[in-house]
């Protein structure tokens, strides 16, 4: 773990890096390395604590009142479900390696280095849906790219690298297990009432986690424009993307009516226009500026 303050210490590292002086002695020696805590979007940790707290309280109350499934048994069942799901996905997908989809493997390898993690297993699964996701539990996690996503971004490697980095960040920041709790699954689905209430507790956290993962995706590809294009392309689709004016679209972040804002409260993902603006804001922050320039700083230091 890094030995700097996530509130102010990184700015000190950024200043020393750009001025040519050595980073603080307690800082991680890897160029551009950012800890998971420093990477998290504002509010993510608080949202998770709130979600877990309400999750535990409601479960205990419901368990006492109805003699429902014990917490330990349901937790073990949930972990077992995630492991089973991961195995099923791996068994029906193609592994990305240095000898199979080598160009995608190279993008993933670079993304992992920039995020300061070992490269998670990466798979491609046949699907006509533009999507990608991370799944797993504890230290066993992987990332799955839908074949349509790979096909749509064949000529846009930076955009594909953003998507890979986005999913790698979910793993780096330990989002994958809580994402399973936030989503519908057959274990929680067997508990009446609670199966509808519990996921709502994690909606706020889930949206914050997406902002965090977007930050990681940007660091992975080091290209703000490509990052924003990747997000927009996934939503509008490749056929209509060329007709989209991103600057005009981002204005929707401030023009949403009450119904639009209310619907976001029940969504696991923030509004796309807000995500695009958040990415631009992060890119201009001291943390984002240093991370995006880290490779250049490392290269100049080695000359």
C-alpha atoms as a PDB file:
ATOM      1  CA  UNK A   1       0.000   0.000   0.000  1.00  0.00           C
ATOM      2  CA  UNK A   2       1.100   3.545  -0.620  1.00  0.00           C
ATOM      3  CA  UNK A   3       2.274   5.600   2.336  1.00  0.00           C
ATOM      4  CA  UNK A   4       0.840   8.917   1.215  1.00  0.00           C
ATOM      5  CA  UNK A   5      -2.352  10.676   2.214  1.00  0.00           C
ATOM      6  CA  UNK A   6      -5.089  10.052  -0.347  1.00  0.00           C
ATOM      7  CA  UNK A   7      -6.426  13.569   0.271  1.00  0.00           C
ATOM      8  CA  UNK A   8      -3.237  15.574  -0.185  1.00  0.00           C
ATOM      9  CA  UNK A   9      -0.205  13.291  -0.481  1.00  0.00           C
ATOM     10  CA  UNK A  10      -0.717  12.489  -4.126  1.00  0.00           C
ATOM     11  CA  UNK A  11      -0.523  16.136  -5.078  1.00  0.00           C
ATOM     12  CA  UNK A  12       2.908  16.195  -3.462  1.00  0.00           C
ATOM     13  CA  UNK A  13       3.959  13.189  -5.527  1.00  0.00           C
ATOM     14  CA  UNK A  14       2.627  14.818  -8.663  1.00  0.00           C
ATOM     15  CA  UNK A  15       4.605  17.976  -7.990  1.00  0.00           C
ATOM     16  CA  UNK A  16       7.820  16.090  -7.350  1.00  0.00           C
ATOM     17  CA  UNK A  17       7.367  13.988 -10.479  1.00  0.00           C
ATOM     18  CA  UNK A  18       6.873  16.960 -12.763  1.00  0.00           C
ATOM     19  CA  UNK A  19       9.702  18.906 -11.187  1.00  0.00           C
ATOM     20  CA  UNK A  20      12.181  16.055 -11.619  1.00  0.00           C
ATOM     21  CA  UNK A  21      12.697  15.368  -7.912  1.00  0.00           C
ATOM     22  CA  UNK A  22      12.236  11.924  -6.399  1.00  0.00           C
ATOM     23  CA  UNK A  23       8.870  10.966  -4.908  1.00  0.00           C
ATOM     24  CA  UNK A  24       8.429  10.762  -1.153  1.00  0.00           C
ATOM     25  CA  UNK A  25      10.407   7.919   0.380  1.00  0.00           C
ATOM     26  CA  UNK A  26       7.242   6.147   1.485  1.00  0.00           C
ATOM     27  CA  UNK A  27       5.635   6.230  -1.947  1.00  0.00           C
ATOM     28  CA  UNK A  28       5.317   3.215  -4.193  1.00  0.00           C
ATOM     29  CA  UNK A  29       8.299   3.071  -6.611  1.00  0.00           C
ATOM     30  CA  UNK A  30       6.197   1.992  -9.618  1.00  0.00           C
ATOM     31  CA  UNK A  31       5.747   4.932 -12.032  1.00  0.00           C
ATOM     32  CA  UNK A  32       2.197   6.241 -11.918  1.00  0.00           C
ATOM     33  CA  UNK A  33       0.968   3.622  -9.465  1.00  0.00           C
ATOM     34  CA  UNK A  34      -2.261   4.648  -7.749  1.00  0.00           C
ATOM     35  CA  UNK A  35      -3.678   2.768  -4.798  1.00  0.00           C
ATOM     36  CA  UNK A  36      -7.282   1.595  -4.845  1.00  0.00           C
ATOM     37  CA  UNK A  37      -8.167   4.039  -2.078  1.00  0.00           C
ATOM     38  CA  UNK A  38      -6.755   7.016  -3.959  1.00  0.00           C
ATOM     39  CA  UNK A  39      -8.559   5.946  -7.117  1.00  0.00           C
ATOM     40  CA  UNK A  40     -12.026   5.669  -5.578  1.00  0.00           C
ATOM     41  CA  UNK A  41     -14.565   8.311  -6.502  1.00  0.00           C
ATOM     42  CA  UNK A  42     -15.763  10.639  -3.723  1.00  0.00           C
ATOM     43  CA  UNK A  43     -18.528   8.962  -1.771  1.00  0.00           C
ATOM     44  CA  UNK A  44     -17.835   5.364  -2.785  1.00  0.00           C
ATOM     45  CA  UNK A  45     -16.507   4.205   0.588  1.00  0.00           C
ATOM     46  CA  UNK A  46     -19.280   5.949   2.532  1.00  0.00           C
ATOM     47  CA  UNK A  47     -21.894   4.490   0.185  1.00  0.00           C
ATOM     48  CA  UNK A  48     -20.488   0.988   0.660  1.00  0.00           C
ATOM     49  CA  UNK A  49     -20.439   1.279   4.464  1.00  0.00           C
ATOM     50  CA  UNK A  50     -24.021   2.518   4.409  1.00  0.00           C
ATOM     51  CA  UNK A  51     -25.103  -0.264   2.072  1.00  0.00           C
ATOM     52  CA  UNK A  52     -23.396  -3.003   4.086  1.00  0.00           C
ATOM     53  CA  UNK A  53     -24.751  -1.586   7.359  1.00  0.00           C
ATOM     54  CA  UNK A  54     -28.331  -1.472   6.119  1.00  0.00           C
ATOM     55  CA  UNK A  55     -27.824  -4.868   4.507  1.00  0.00           C
ATOM     56  CA  UNK A  56     -26.754  -6.434   7.823  1.00  0.00           C
ATOM     57  CA  UNK A  57     -29.414  -4.717   9.938  1.00  0.00           C
ATOM     58  CA  UNK A  58     -32.280  -5.593   7.617  1.00  0.00           C
ATOM     59  CA  UNK A  59     -31.109  -9.165   7.252  1.00  0.00           C
ATOM     60  CA  UNK A  60     -30.827  -9.687  11.025  1.00  0.00           C
ATOM     61  CA  UNK A  61     -34.252  -8.118  11.631  1.00  0.00           C
ATOM     62  CA  UNK A  62     -35.821 -10.218   8.912  1.00  0.00           C
ATOM     63  CA  UNK A  63     -34.058 -13.366  10.146  1.00  0.00           C
ATOM     64  CA  UNK A  64     -35.289 -12.880  13.719  1.00  0.00           C
ATOM     65  CA  UNK A  65     -38.827 -12.036  12.645  1.00  0.00           C
ATOM     66  CA  UNK A  66     -39.342 -14.861  10.172  1.00  0.00           C
ATOM     67  CA  UNK A  67     -36.670 -17.461  10.983  1.00  0.00           C
ATOM     68  CA  UNK A  68     -35.440 -17.133   7.415  1.00  0.00           C
ATOM     69  CA  UNK A  69     -32.199 -18.424   5.935  1.00  0.00           C
ATOM     70  CA  UNK A  70     -29.316 -17.865   8.408  1.00  0.00           C
ATOM     71  CA  UNK A  71     -26.848 -15.185   7.353  1.00  0.00           C
ATOM     72  CA  UNK A  72     -23.881 -17.577   7.220  1.00  0.00           C
ATOM     73  CA  UNK A  73     -25.719 -20.115   5.066  1.00  0.00           C
ATOM     74  CA  UNK A  74     -26.916 -17.466   2.628  1.00  0.00           C
ATOM     75  CA  UNK A  75     -23.430 -15.923   2.407  1.00  0.00           C
ATOM     76  CA  UNK A  76     -21.858 -19.309   1.635  1.00  0.00           C
ATOM     77  CA  UNK A  77     -24.571 -19.911  -0.930  1.00  0.00           C
ATOM     78  CA  UNK A  78     -23.873 -16.556  -2.563  1.00  0.00           C
ATOM     79  CA  UNK A  79     -20.136 -17.236  -2.806  1.00  0.00           C
ATOM     80  CA  UNK A  80     -20.850 -20.683  -4.195  1.00  0.00           C
ATOM     81  CA  UNK A  81     -23.139 -19.153  -6.810  1.00  0.00           C
ATOM     82  CA  UNK A  82     -20.446 -16.684  -7.905  1.00  0.00           C
ATOM     83  CA  UNK A  83     -17.844 -19.462  -8.194  1.00  0.00           C
ATOM     84  CA  UNK A  84     -20.269 -21.584 -10.220  1.00  0.00           C
ATOM     85  CA  UNK A  85     -21.143 -18.664 -12.489  1.00  0.00           C
ATOM     86  CA  UNK A  86     -17.474 -17.892 -13.072  1.00  0.00           C
ATOM     87  CA  UNK A  87     -16.743 -21.510 -13.966  1.00  0.00           C
ATOM     88  CA  UNK A  88     -19.679 -21.621 -16.381  1.00  0.00           C
ATOM     89  CA  UNK A  89     -18.495 -18.456 -18.128  1.00  0.00           C
ATOM     90  CA  UNK A  90     -14.916 -19.699 -18.430  1.00  0.00           C
ATOM     91  CA  UNK A  91     -16.112 -23.004 -19.841  1.00  0.00           C
ATOM     92  CA  UNK A  92     -18.081 -21.319 -22.623  1.00  0.00           C
ATOM     93  CA  UNK A  93     -15.625 -18.534 -23.509  1.00  0.00           C
ATOM     94  CA  UNK A  94     -12.307 -18.128 -25.316  1.00  0.00           C
ATOM     95  CA  UNK A  95      -9.280 -17.218 -23.212  1.00  0.00           C
ATOM     96  CA  UNK A  96      -7.230 -14.207 -24.331  1.00  0.00           C
ATOM     97  CA  UNK A  97      -3.525 -15.108 -24.269  1.00  0.00           C
ATOM     98  CA  UNK A  98      -0.273 -14.144 -25.939  1.00  0.00           C
ATOM     99  CA  UNK A  99      -0.999 -16.744 -28.628  1.00  0.00           C
ATOM    100  CA  UNK A 100      -4.727 -16.172 -29.006  1.00  0.00           C
ATOM    101  CA  UNK A 101      -5.972 -12.617 -29.597  1.00  0.00           C
ATOM    102  CA  UNK A 102      -2.425 -11.418 -28.962  1.00  0.00           C
ATOM    103  CA  UNK A 103      -3.240  -7.769 -29.700  1.00  0.00           C
ATOM    104  CA  UNK A 104      -6.004  -7.733 -27.082  1.00  0.00           C
ATOM    105  CA  UNK A 105      -3.731  -9.495 -24.606  1.00  0.00           C
ATOM    106  CA  UNK A 106      -1.109  -6.779 -25.146  1.00  0.00           C
ATOM    107  CA  UNK A 107      -3.700  -4.062 -24.449  1.00  0.00           C
ATOM    108  CA  UNK A 108      -4.748  -5.884 -21.280  1.00  0.00           C
ATOM    109  CA  UNK A 109      -1.164  -6.368 -20.143  1.00  0.00           C
ATOM    110  CA  UNK A 110      -0.424  -2.659 -20.499  1.00  0.00           C
ATOM    111  CA  UNK A 111      -3.672  -1.744 -18.738  1.00  0.00           C
ATOM    112  CA  UNK A 112      -2.813  -3.997 -15.795  1.00  0.00           C
ATOM    113  CA  UNK A 113       0.680  -2.501 -15.462  1.00  0.00           C
ATOM    114  CA  UNK A 114      -0.697   1.036 -15.489  1.00  0.00           C
ATOM    115  CA  UNK A 115      -3.229   0.087 -12.800  1.00  0.00           C
ATOM    116  CA  UNK A 116      -0.575  -1.624 -10.692  1.00  0.00           C
ATOM    117  CA  UNK A 117      -2.158  -5.094 -10.693  1.00  0.00           C
ATOM    118  CA  UNK A 118      -1.390  -8.511 -12.098  1.00  0.00           C
ATOM    119  CA  UNK A 119      -3.357  -9.119 -15.287  1.00  0.00           C
ATOM    120  CA  UNK A 120      -6.642 -10.893 -14.461  1.00  0.00           C
ATOM    121  CA  UNK A 121      -7.795 -13.711 -16.718  1.00  0.00           C
ATOM    122  CA  UNK A 122      -9.545 -12.269 -19.766  1.00  0.00           C
ATOM    123  CA  UNK A 123     -12.134 -14.070 -21.895  1.00  0.00           C
ATOM    124  CA  UNK A 124     -14.216 -13.391 -24.991  1.00  0.00           C
ATOM    125  CA  UNK A 125     -17.759 -14.758 -25.042  1.00  0.00           C
ATOM    126  CA  UNK A 126     -20.110 -14.847 -28.009  1.00  0.00           C
ATOM    127  CA  UNK A 127     -22.889 -12.290 -27.652  1.00  0.00           C
ATOM    128  CA  UNK A 128     -24.579  -9.743 -29.893  1.00  0.00           C
ATOM    129  CA  UNK A 129     -24.800  -7.306 -26.964  1.00  0.00           C
ATOM    130  CA  UNK A 130     -22.214  -4.558 -26.510  1.00  0.00           C
ATOM    131  CA  UNK A 131     -20.992  -5.272 -23.009  1.00  0.00           C
ATOM    132  CA  UNK A 132     -18.148  -6.391 -20.770  1.00  0.00           C
ATOM    133  CA  UNK A 133     -18.083  -7.373 -17.110  1.00  0.00           C
ATOM    134  CA  UNK A 134     -15.940  -8.612 -14.248  1.00  0.00           C
ATOM    135  CA  UNK A 135     -16.996 -11.460 -11.996  1.00  0.00           C
ATOM    136  CA  UNK A 136     -15.510 -13.575  -9.254  1.00  0.00           C
ATOM    137  CA  UNK A 137     -14.922 -13.572  -5.542  1.00  0.00           C
ATOM    138  CA  UNK A 138     -11.989 -12.620  -3.310  1.00  0.00           C
ATOM    139  CA  UNK A 139      -8.728 -13.186  -5.259  1.00  0.00           C
ATOM    140  CA  UNK A 140     -10.332 -15.284  -8.014  1.00  0.00           C
ATOM    141  CA  UNK A 141     -11.804 -12.885 -10.568  1.00  0.00           C
ATOM    142  CA  UNK A 142     -11.869 -12.581 -14.336  1.00  0.00           C
ATOM    143  CA  UNK A 143     -13.096 -10.230 -17.050  1.00  0.00           C
ATOM    144  CA  UNK A 144     -15.382 -11.165 -19.930  1.00  0.00           C
ATOM    145  CA  UNK A 145     -15.656  -9.216 -23.181  1.00  0.00           C
ATOM    146  CA  UNK A 146     -18.647  -9.831 -25.427  1.00  0.00           C
ATOM    147  CA  UNK A 147     -17.648 -10.691 -28.982  1.00  0.00           C
ATOM    148  CA  UNK A 148     -19.769  -7.831 -30.340  1.00  0.00           C
ATOM    149  CA  UNK A 149     -17.774  -5.378 -28.203  1.00  0.00           C
ATOM    150  CA  UNK A 150     -14.480  -6.689 -29.571  1.00  0.00           C
ATOM    151  CA  UNK A 151     -15.805  -6.558 -33.127  1.00  0.00           C
ATOM    152  CA  UNK A 152     -17.158  -3.004 -32.777  1.00  0.00           C
ATOM    153  CA  UNK A 153     -13.822  -1.743 -31.404  1.00  0.00           C
ATOM    154  CA  UNK A 154     -11.494  -3.601 -33.781  1.00  0.00           C
ATOM    155  CA  UNK A 155     -10.277  -0.295 -35.234  1.00  0.00           C
ATOM    156  CA  UNK A 156     -10.353   1.557 -31.897  1.00  0.00           C
ATOM    157  CA  UNK A 157      -7.784  -0.149 -29.624  1.00  0.00           C
ATOM    158  CA  UNK A 158      -7.672   2.730 -27.124  1.00  0.00           C
ATOM    159  CA  UNK A 159     -11.424   2.460 -26.616  1.00  0.00           C
ATOM    160  CA  UNK A 160     -11.172  -1.287 -26.076  1.00  0.00           C
ATOM    161  CA  UNK A 161      -8.324  -0.704 -23.630  1.00  0.00           C
ATOM    162  CA  UNK A 162     -10.536   1.711 -21.697  1.00  0.00           C
ATOM    163  CA  UNK A 163     -13.225  -0.949 -21.366  1.00  0.00           C
ATOM    164  CA  UNK A 164     -10.672  -3.547 -20.263  1.00  0.00           C
ATOM    165  CA  UNK A 165      -9.181  -1.099 -17.747  1.00  0.00           C
ATOM    166  CA  UNK A 166     -12.665  -0.233 -16.473  1.00  0.00           C
ATOM    167  CA  UNK A 167     -13.330  -3.895 -15.661  1.00  0.00           C
ATOM    168  CA  UNK A 168      -9.837  -4.429 -14.243  1.00  0.00           C
ATOM    169  CA  UNK A 169     -10.517  -1.537 -11.865  1.00  0.00           C
ATOM    170  CA  UNK A 170     -13.625  -3.297 -10.559  1.00  0.00           C
ATOM    171  CA  UNK A 171     -11.281  -6.124  -9.584  1.00  0.00           C
ATOM    172  CA  UNK A 172      -8.534  -3.831  -8.239  1.00  0.00           C
ATOM    173  CA  UNK A 173     -11.026  -2.044  -5.985  1.00  0.00           C
ATOM    174  CA  UNK A 174     -12.802  -5.251  -4.834  1.00  0.00           C
ATOM    175  CA  UNK A 175     -16.139  -4.351  -6.406  1.00  0.00           C
ATOM    176  CA  UNK A 176     -17.003  -7.745  -7.863  1.00  0.00           C
ATOM    177  CA  UNK A 177     -18.524  -9.468  -4.810  1.00  0.00           C
ATOM    178  CA  UNK A 178     -20.664  -6.489  -3.823  1.00  0.00           C
ATOM    179  CA  UNK A 179     -21.807  -6.119  -7.421  1.00  0.00           C
ATOM    180  CA  UNK A 180     -23.195  -9.638  -7.142  1.00  0.00           C
ATOM    181  CA  UNK A 181     -25.090  -8.663  -3.995  1.00  0.00           C
ATOM    182  CA  UNK A 182     -26.416  -5.551  -5.728  1.00  0.00           C
ATOM    183  CA  UNK A 183     -27.631  -7.563  -8.712  1.00  0.00           C
ATOM    184  CA  UNK A 184     -30.391 -10.127  -8.857  1.00  0.00           C
ATOM    185  CA  UNK A 185     -29.243 -13.668  -8.096  1.00  0.00           C
ATOM    186  CA  UNK A 186     -31.004 -16.943  -7.164  1.00  0.00           C
ATOM    187  CA  UNK A 187     -29.686 -16.988  -3.592  1.00  0.00           C
ATOM    188  CA  UNK A 188     -31.117 -13.632  -2.465  1.00  0.00           C
ATOM    189  CA  UNK A 189     -34.079 -14.245  -4.756  1.00  0.00           C
ATOM    190  CA  UNK A 190     -35.298 -16.977  -2.423  1.00  0.00           C
ATOM    191  CA  UNK A 191     -35.788 -14.590   0.498  1.00  0.00           C
ATOM    192  CA  UNK A 192     -39.196 -12.852   0.264  1.00  0.00           C
ATOM    193  CA  UNK A 193     -39.292  -9.046   0.568  1.00  0.00           C
ATOM    194  CA  UNK A 194     -35.567  -8.871   1.295  1.00  0.00           C
ATOM    195  CA  UNK A 195     -34.726  -9.883  -2.274  1.00  0.00           C
ATOM    196  CA  UNK A 196     -36.268  -6.590  -3.443  1.00  0.00           C
ATOM    197  CA  UNK A 197     -35.067  -4.379  -0.592  1.00  0.00           C
ATOM    198  CA  UNK A 198     -31.414  -5.404  -0.230  1.00  0.00           C
ATOM    199  CA  UNK A 199     -30.265  -4.511  -3.770  1.00  0.00           C
ATOM    200  CA  UNK A 200     -31.650  -0.987  -3.331  1.00  0.00           C
ATOM    201  CA  UNK A 201     -29.193  -0.385  -0.489  1.00  0.00           C
ATOM    202  CA  UNK A 202     -26.312  -0.823  -2.921  1.00  0.00           C
ATOM    203  CA  UNK A 203     -27.589   1.292  -5.813  1.00  0.00           C
ATOM    204  CA  UNK A 204     -25.804   4.442  -4.622  1.00  0.00           C
ATOM    205  CA  UNK A 205     -22.585   2.517  -4.034  1.00  0.00           C
ATOM    206  CA  UNK A 206     -22.862   0.817  -7.429  1.00  0.00           C
ATOM    207  CA  UNK A 207     -23.093   4.166  -9.209  1.00  0.00           C
ATOM    208  CA  UNK A 208     -20.048   5.461  -7.311  1.00  0.00           C
ATOM    209  CA  UNK A 209     -18.164   2.269  -8.180  1.00  0.00           C
ATOM    210  CA  UNK A 210     -18.829   2.906 -11.873  1.00  0.00           C
ATOM    211  CA  UNK A 211     -17.282   6.373 -11.579  1.00  0.00           C
ATOM    212  CA  UNK A 212     -14.242   4.761  -9.945  1.00  0.00           C
ATOM    213  CA  UNK A 213     -13.964   2.141 -12.693  1.00  0.00           C
ATOM    214  CA  UNK A 214     -14.199   4.868 -15.346  1.00  0.00           C
ATOM    215  CA  UNK A 215     -11.210   6.555 -13.714  1.00  0.00           C
ATOM    216  CA  UNK A 216      -9.269   3.307 -13.924  1.00  0.00           C
ATOM    217  CA  UNK A 217     -10.247   2.860 -17.560  1.00  0.00           C
ATOM    218  CA  UNK A 218      -8.914   6.321 -18.354  1.00  0.00           C
ATOM    219  CA  UNK A 219      -5.632   5.561 -16.593  1.00  0.00           C
ATOM    220  CA  UNK A 220      -5.398   2.278 -18.508  1.00  0.00           C
ATOM    221  CA  UNK A 221      -5.726   3.848 -21.964  1.00  0.00           C
ATOM    222  CA  UNK A 222      -4.427   7.367 -21.126  1.00  0.00           C
ATOM    223  CA  UNK A 223      -6.747   8.975 -23.666  1.00  0.00           C
ATOM    224  CA  UNK A 224      -9.717  11.056 -22.475  1.00  0.00           C
ATOM    225  CA  UNK A 225     -11.350  11.343 -25.897  1.00  0.00           C
ATOM    226  CA  UNK A 226     -11.109   7.585 -26.487  1.00  0.00           C
ATOM    227  CA  UNK A 227     -12.532   6.910 -23.015  1.00  0.00           C
ATOM    228  CA  UNK A 228     -15.553   9.100 -23.651  1.00  0.00           C
ATOM    229  CA  UNK A 229     -16.071   7.588 -27.101  1.00  0.00           C
ATOM    230  CA  UNK A 230     -15.973   4.081 -25.655  1.00  0.00           C
ATOM    231  CA  UNK A 231     -18.693   4.843 -23.122  1.00  0.00           C
ATOM    232  CA  UNK A 232     -20.890   6.573 -25.685  1.00  0.00           C
ATOM    233  CA  UNK A 233     -20.396   3.812 -28.260  1.00  0.00           C
ATOM    234  CA  UNK A 234     -21.555   1.144 -25.806  1.00  0.00           C
ATOM    235  CA  UNK A 235     -24.770   3.053 -25.133  1.00  0.00           C
ATOM    236  CA  UNK A 236     -25.775   4.327 -28.566  1.00  0.00           C
ATOM    237  CA  UNK A 237     -24.284   1.473 -30.591  1.00  0.00           C
ATOM    238  CA  UNK A 238     -21.641   1.499 -33.333  1.00  0.00           C
ATOM    239  CA  UNK A 239     -24.041   2.221 -36.204  1.00  0.00           C
ATOM    240  CA  UNK A 240     -25.281   5.562 -34.839  1.00  0.00           C
ATOM    241  CA  UNK A 241     -22.137   6.597 -32.994  1.00  0.00           C
ATOM    242  CA  UNK A 242     -20.623   8.505 -35.929  1.00  0.00           C
ATOM    243  CA  UNK A 243     -23.654  10.818 -35.927  1.00  0.00           C
ATOM    244  CA  UNK A 244     -23.311  11.657 -32.218  1.00  0.00           C
ATOM    245  CA  UNK A 245     -22.074  15.070 -31.049  1.00  0.00           C
ATOM    246  CA  UNK A 246     -20.437  14.318 -27.699  1.00  0.00           C
ATOM    247  CA  UNK A 247     -20.280  17.936 -26.543  1.00  0.00           C
ATOM    248  CA  UNK A 248     -23.984  18.410 -27.210  1.00  0.00           C
ATOM    249  CA  UNK A 249     -24.807  15.107 -25.550  1.00  0.00           C
ATOM    250  CA  UNK A 250     -22.911  16.012 -22.360  1.00  0.00           C
ATOM    251  CA  UNK A 251     -25.233  18.986 -21.882  1.00  0.00           C
ATOM    252  CA  UNK A 252     -27.915  16.459 -20.962  1.00  0.00           C
ATOM    253  CA  UNK A 253     -26.125  15.975 -17.643  1.00  0.00           C
ATOM    254  CA  UNK A 254     -27.516  19.360 -16.552  1.00  0.00           C
ATOM    255  CA  UNK A 255     -30.816  19.252 -18.419  1.00  0.00           C
ATOM    256  CA  UNK A 256     -32.402  16.112 -16.997  1.00  0.00           C
ATOM    257  CA  UNK A 257     -35.964  16.499 -15.732  1.00  0.00           C
ATOM    258  CA  UNK A 258     -37.251  15.225 -12.390  1.00  0.00           C
ATOM    259  CA  UNK A 259     -38.288  11.840 -13.766  1.00  0.00           C
ATOM    260  CA  UNK A 260     -34.820  11.291 -15.264  1.00  0.00           C
ATOM    261  CA  UNK A 261     -33.090  12.141 -12.008  1.00  0.00           C
ATOM    262  CA  UNK A 262     -35.498   9.960 -10.021  1.00  0.00           C
ATOM    263  CA  UNK A 263     -34.931   6.978 -12.306  1.00  0.00           C
ATOM    264  CA  UNK A 264     -31.176   7.241 -11.715  1.00  0.00           C
ATOM    265  CA  UNK A 265     -31.715   6.658  -7.991  1.00  0.00           C
ATOM    266  CA  UNK A 266     -32.859   3.120  -8.766  1.00  0.00           C
ATOM    267  CA  UNK A 267     -30.160   2.398 -11.350  1.00  0.00           C
ATOM    268  CA  UNK A 268     -26.850   0.613 -10.838  1.00  0.00           C
ATOM    269  CA  UNK A 269     -25.153   2.975 -13.330  1.00  0.00           C
ATOM    270  CA  UNK A 270     -25.011   6.789 -13.438  1.00  0.00           C
ATOM    271  CA  UNK A 271     -26.427   8.677 -16.392  1.00  0.00           C
ATOM    272  CA  UNK A 272     -23.999   8.461 -19.301  1.00  0.00           C
ATOM    273  CA  UNK A 273     -23.706  12.224 -19.729  1.00  0.00           C
ATOM    274  CA  UNK A 274     -22.703  12.537 -16.060  1.00  0.00           C
ATOM    275  CA  UNK A 275     -20.063   9.837 -16.490  1.00  0.00           C
ATOM    276  CA  UNK A 276     -18.547  11.669 -19.446  1.00  0.00           C
ATOM    277  CA  UNK A 277     -18.367  14.918 -17.470  1.00  0.00           C
ATOM    278  CA  UNK A 278     -16.899  13.120 -14.443  1.00  0.00           C
ATOM    279  CA  UNK A 279     -14.156  11.639 -16.627  1.00  0.00           C
ATOM    280  CA  UNK A 280     -13.237  15.079 -17.967  1.00  0.00           C
ATOM    281  CA  UNK A 281     -13.144  16.503 -14.446  1.00  0.00           C
ATOM    282  CA  UNK A 282     -10.938  13.663 -13.200  1.00  0.00           C
ATOM    283  CA  UNK A 283      -8.540  14.105 -16.132  1.00  0.00           C
ATOM    284  CA  UNK A 284      -8.001  17.736 -15.041  1.00  0.00           C
ATOM    285  CA  UNK A 285      -7.490  16.915 -11.349  1.00  0.00           C
ATOM    286  CA  UNK A 286      -3.974  16.619  -9.833  1.00  0.00           C
ATOM    287  CA  UNK A 287      -4.446  12.864  -9.469  1.00  0.00           C
ATOM    288  CA  UNK A 288      -5.656  12.392 -13.034  1.00  0.00           C
ATOM    289  CA  UNK A 289      -3.042  14.729 -14.508  1.00  0.00           C
ATOM    290  CA  UNK A 290      -0.198  12.878 -12.828  1.00  0.00           C
ATOM    291  CA  UNK A 291      -1.563   9.451 -13.775  1.00  0.00           C
ATOM    292  CA  UNK A 292      -1.997  10.403 -17.422  1.00  0.00           C
ATOM    293  CA  UNK A 293       1.550  11.822 -17.608  1.00  0.00           C
ATOM    294  CA  UNK A 294       3.233   9.047 -15.609  1.00  0.00           C
ATOM    295  CA  UNK A 295       4.481   7.073 -18.615  1.00  0.00           C
ATOM    296  CA  UNK A 296       6.027  10.179 -20.135  1.00  0.00           C
ATOM    297  CA  UNK A 297       7.669  11.086 -16.826  1.00  0.00           C
ATOM    298  CA  UNK A 298       9.066   7.560 -16.471  1.00  0.00           C
ATOM    299  CA  UNK A 299      10.397   7.602 -20.036  1.00  0.00           C
ATOM    300  CA  UNK A 300      12.131  10.972 -19.616  1.00  0.00           C
ATOM    301  CA  UNK A 301      13.621   9.861 -16.273  1.00  0.00           C
ATOM    302  CA  UNK A 302      15.171   6.800 -17.903  1.00  0.00           C
ATOM    303  CA  UNK A 303      16.927   8.764 -20.655  1.00  0.00           C
END
